[in-house]
């Protein structure tokens, strides 16, 4: 029933974590 909603939440969470990891790498390169 709520499998699609779970997939949507998981995908948004994965994108959020991925963007944070990339931003952290950028900060490391700047430092």
PDB file of N, CA and C in Angstrom:
ATOM      1  N   UNK A   1       0.845  -1.208   0.000  1.00  0.00           N
ATOM      2  CA  UNK A   1       0.000   0.000   0.000  1.00  0.00           C
ATOM      3  C   UNK A   1       0.880   1.257   0.000  1.00  0.00           C
ATOM      4  N   UNK A   2       1.726   1.390   1.015  1.00  0.00           N
ATOM      5  CA  UNK A   2       2.556   2.598   1.107  1.00  0.00           C
ATOM      6  C   UNK A   2       3.959   2.366   0.575  1.00  0.00           C
ATOM      7  N   UNK A   3       4.102   1.401  -0.339  1.00  0.00           N
ATOM      8  CA  UNK A   3       5.444   1.125  -0.869  1.00  0.00           C
ATOM      9  C   UNK A   3       5.943   2.288  -1.712  1.00  0.00           C
ATOM     10  N   UNK A   4       5.039   2.886  -2.498  1.00  0.00           N
ATOM     11  CA  UNK A   4       5.449   4.006  -3.349  1.00  0.00           C
ATOM     12  C   UNK A   4       5.851   5.203  -2.484  1.00  0.00           C
ATOM     13  N   UNK A   5       5.098   5.471  -1.429  1.00  0.00           N
ATOM     14  CA  UNK A   5       5.427   6.603  -0.557  1.00  0.00           C
ATOM     15  C   UNK A   5       6.786   6.376   0.101  1.00  0.00           C
ATOM     16  N   UNK A   6       7.068   5.123   0.486  1.00  0.00           N
ATOM     17  CA  UNK A   6       8.355   4.818   1.116  1.00  0.00           C
ATOM     18  C   UNK A   6       9.494   5.052   0.131  1.00  0.00           C
ATOM     19  N   UNK A   7       9.276   4.643  -1.127  1.00  0.00           N
ATOM     20  CA  UNK A   7      10.317   4.846  -2.148  1.00  0.00           C
ATOM     21  C   UNK A   7      10.563   6.333  -2.354  1.00  0.00           C
ATOM     22  N   UNK A   8       9.503   7.126  -2.373  1.00  0.00           N
ATOM     23  CA  UNK A   8       9.663   8.569  -2.576  1.00  0.00           C
ATOM     24  C   UNK A   8      10.465   9.178  -1.432  1.00  0.00           C
ATOM     25  N   UNK A   9      10.134   8.792  -0.211  1.00  0.00           N
ATOM     26  CA  UNK A   9      10.879   9.341   0.944  1.00  0.00           C
ATOM     27  C   UNK A   9      12.333   8.906   0.901  1.00  0.00           C
ATOM     28  N   UNK A  10      12.569   7.643   0.561  1.00  0.00           N
ATOM     29  CA  UNK A  10      13.945   7.137   0.531  1.00  0.00           C
ATOM     30  C   UNK A  10      14.763   7.851  -0.541  1.00  0.00           C
ATOM     31  N   UNK A  11      14.150   8.083  -1.712  1.00  0.00           N
ATOM     32  CA  UNK A  11      14.873   8.755  -2.800  1.00  0.00           C
ATOM     33  C   UNK A  11      15.219  10.190  -2.394  1.00  0.00           C
ATOM     34  N   UNK A  12      14.270  10.894  -1.779  1.00  0.00           N
ATOM     35  CA  UNK A  12      14.554  12.269  -1.348  1.00  0.00           C
ATOM     36  C   UNK A  12      15.658  12.279  -0.304  1.00  0.00           C
ATOM     37  N   UNK A  13      15.629  11.321   0.625  1.00  0.00           N
ATOM     38  CA  UNK A  13      16.656  11.260   1.666  1.00  0.00           C
ATOM     39  C   UNK A  13      18.023  10.965   1.059  1.00  0.00           C
ATOM     40  N   UNK A  14      18.047  10.061   0.080  1.00  0.00           N
ATOM     41  CA  UNK A  14      19.324   9.708  -0.563  1.00  0.00           C
ATOM     42  C   UNK A  14      19.904  10.921  -1.291  1.00  0.00           C
ATOM     43  N   UNK A  15      19.045  11.660  -1.997  1.00  0.00           N
ATOM     44  CA  UNK A  15      19.519  12.859  -2.711  1.00  0.00           C
ATOM     45  C   UNK A  15      20.046  13.892  -1.711  1.00  0.00           C
ATOM     46  N   UNK A  16      19.358  14.048  -0.587  1.00  0.00           N
ATOM     47  CA  UNK A  16      19.782  15.024   0.420  1.00  0.00           C
ATOM     48  C   UNK A  16      21.161  14.668   0.962  1.00  0.00           C
ATOM     49  N   UNK A  17      21.356  13.372   1.267  1.00  0.00           N
ATOM     50  CA  UNK A  17      22.657  12.938   1.797  1.00  0.00           C
ATOM     51  C   UNK A  17      23.741  13.101   0.736  1.00  0.00           C
ATOM     52  N   UNK A  18      23.416  12.778  -0.503  1.00  0.00           N
ATOM     53  CA  UNK A  18      24.409  12.874  -1.584  1.00  0.00           C
ATOM     54  C   UNK A  18      24.854  14.321  -1.767  1.00  0.00           C
ATOM     55  N   UNK A  19      23.903  15.258  -1.736  1.00  0.00           N
ATOM     56  CA  UNK A  19      24.257  16.668  -1.903  1.00  0.00           C
ATOM     57  C   UNK A  19      25.127  17.140  -0.737  1.00  0.00           C
ATOM     58  N   UNK A  20      24.828  16.665   0.484  1.00  0.00           N
ATOM     59  CA  UNK A  20      25.632  17.086   1.641  1.00  0.00           C
ATOM     60  C   UNK A  20      27.045  16.545   1.518  1.00  0.00           C
ATOM     61  N   UNK A  21      27.171  15.297   1.037  1.00  0.00           N
ATOM     62  CA  UNK A  21      28.512  14.727   0.876  1.00  0.00           C
ATOM     63  C   UNK A  21      29.303  15.527  -0.154  1.00  0.00           C
ATOM     64  N   UNK A  22      28.660  15.897  -1.257  1.00  0.00           N
ATOM     65  CA  UNK A  22      29.363  16.673  -2.281  1.00  0.00           C
ATOM     66  C   UNK A  22      29.742  18.039  -1.737  1.00  0.00           C
ATOM     67  N   UNK A  23      28.875  18.677  -0.962  1.00  0.00           N
ATOM     68  CA  UNK A  23      29.184  19.995  -0.409  1.00  0.00           C
ATOM     69  C   UNK A  23      30.352  19.881   0.568  1.00  0.00           C
ATOM     70  N   UNK A  24      30.409  18.786   1.330  1.00  0.00           N
ATOM     71  CA  UNK A  24      31.521  18.599   2.267  1.00  0.00           C
ATOM     72  C   UNK A  24      32.830  18.460   1.509  1.00  0.00           C
ATOM     73  N   UNK A  25      32.806  17.751   0.377  1.00  0.00           N
ATOM     74  CA  UNK A  25      34.028  17.599  -0.412  1.00  0.00           C
ATOM     75  C   UNK A  25      34.483  18.950  -0.940  1.00  0.00           C
ATOM     76  N   UNK A  26      33.537  19.793  -1.349  1.00  0.00           N
ATOM     77  CA  UNK A  26      33.904  21.121  -1.853  1.00  0.00           C
ATOM     78  C   UNK A  26      34.560  21.937  -0.748  1.00  0.00           C
ATOM     79  N   UNK A  27      34.006  21.857   0.474  1.00  0.00           N
ATOM     80  CA  UNK A  27      34.592  22.614   1.577  1.00  0.00           C
ATOM     81  C   UNK A  27      36.010  22.124   1.859  1.00  0.00           C
ATOM     82  N   UNK A  28      36.224  20.813   1.780  1.00  0.00           N
ATOM     83  CA  UNK A  28      37.567  20.273   2.025  1.00  0.00           C
ATOM     84  C   UNK A  28      38.547  20.805   0.988  1.00  0.00           C
ATOM     85  N   UNK A  29      38.102  20.855  -0.283  1.00  0.00           N
ATOM     86  CA  UNK A  29      39.005  21.339  -1.334  1.00  0.00           C
ATOM     87  C   UNK A  29      39.316  22.823  -1.112  1.00  0.00           C
ATOM     88  N   UNK A  30      38.333  23.598  -0.680  1.00  0.00           N
ATOM     89  CA  UNK A  30      38.575  25.026  -0.453  1.00  0.00           C
ATOM     90  C   UNK A  30      39.548  25.220   0.703  1.00  0.00           C
ATOM     91  N   UNK A  31      39.432  24.403   1.754  1.00  0.00           N
ATOM     92  CA  UNK A  31      40.352  24.542   2.877  1.00  0.00           C
ATOM     93  C   UNK A  31      41.718  23.998   2.485  1.00  0.00           C
TER      94      UNK A  31
END
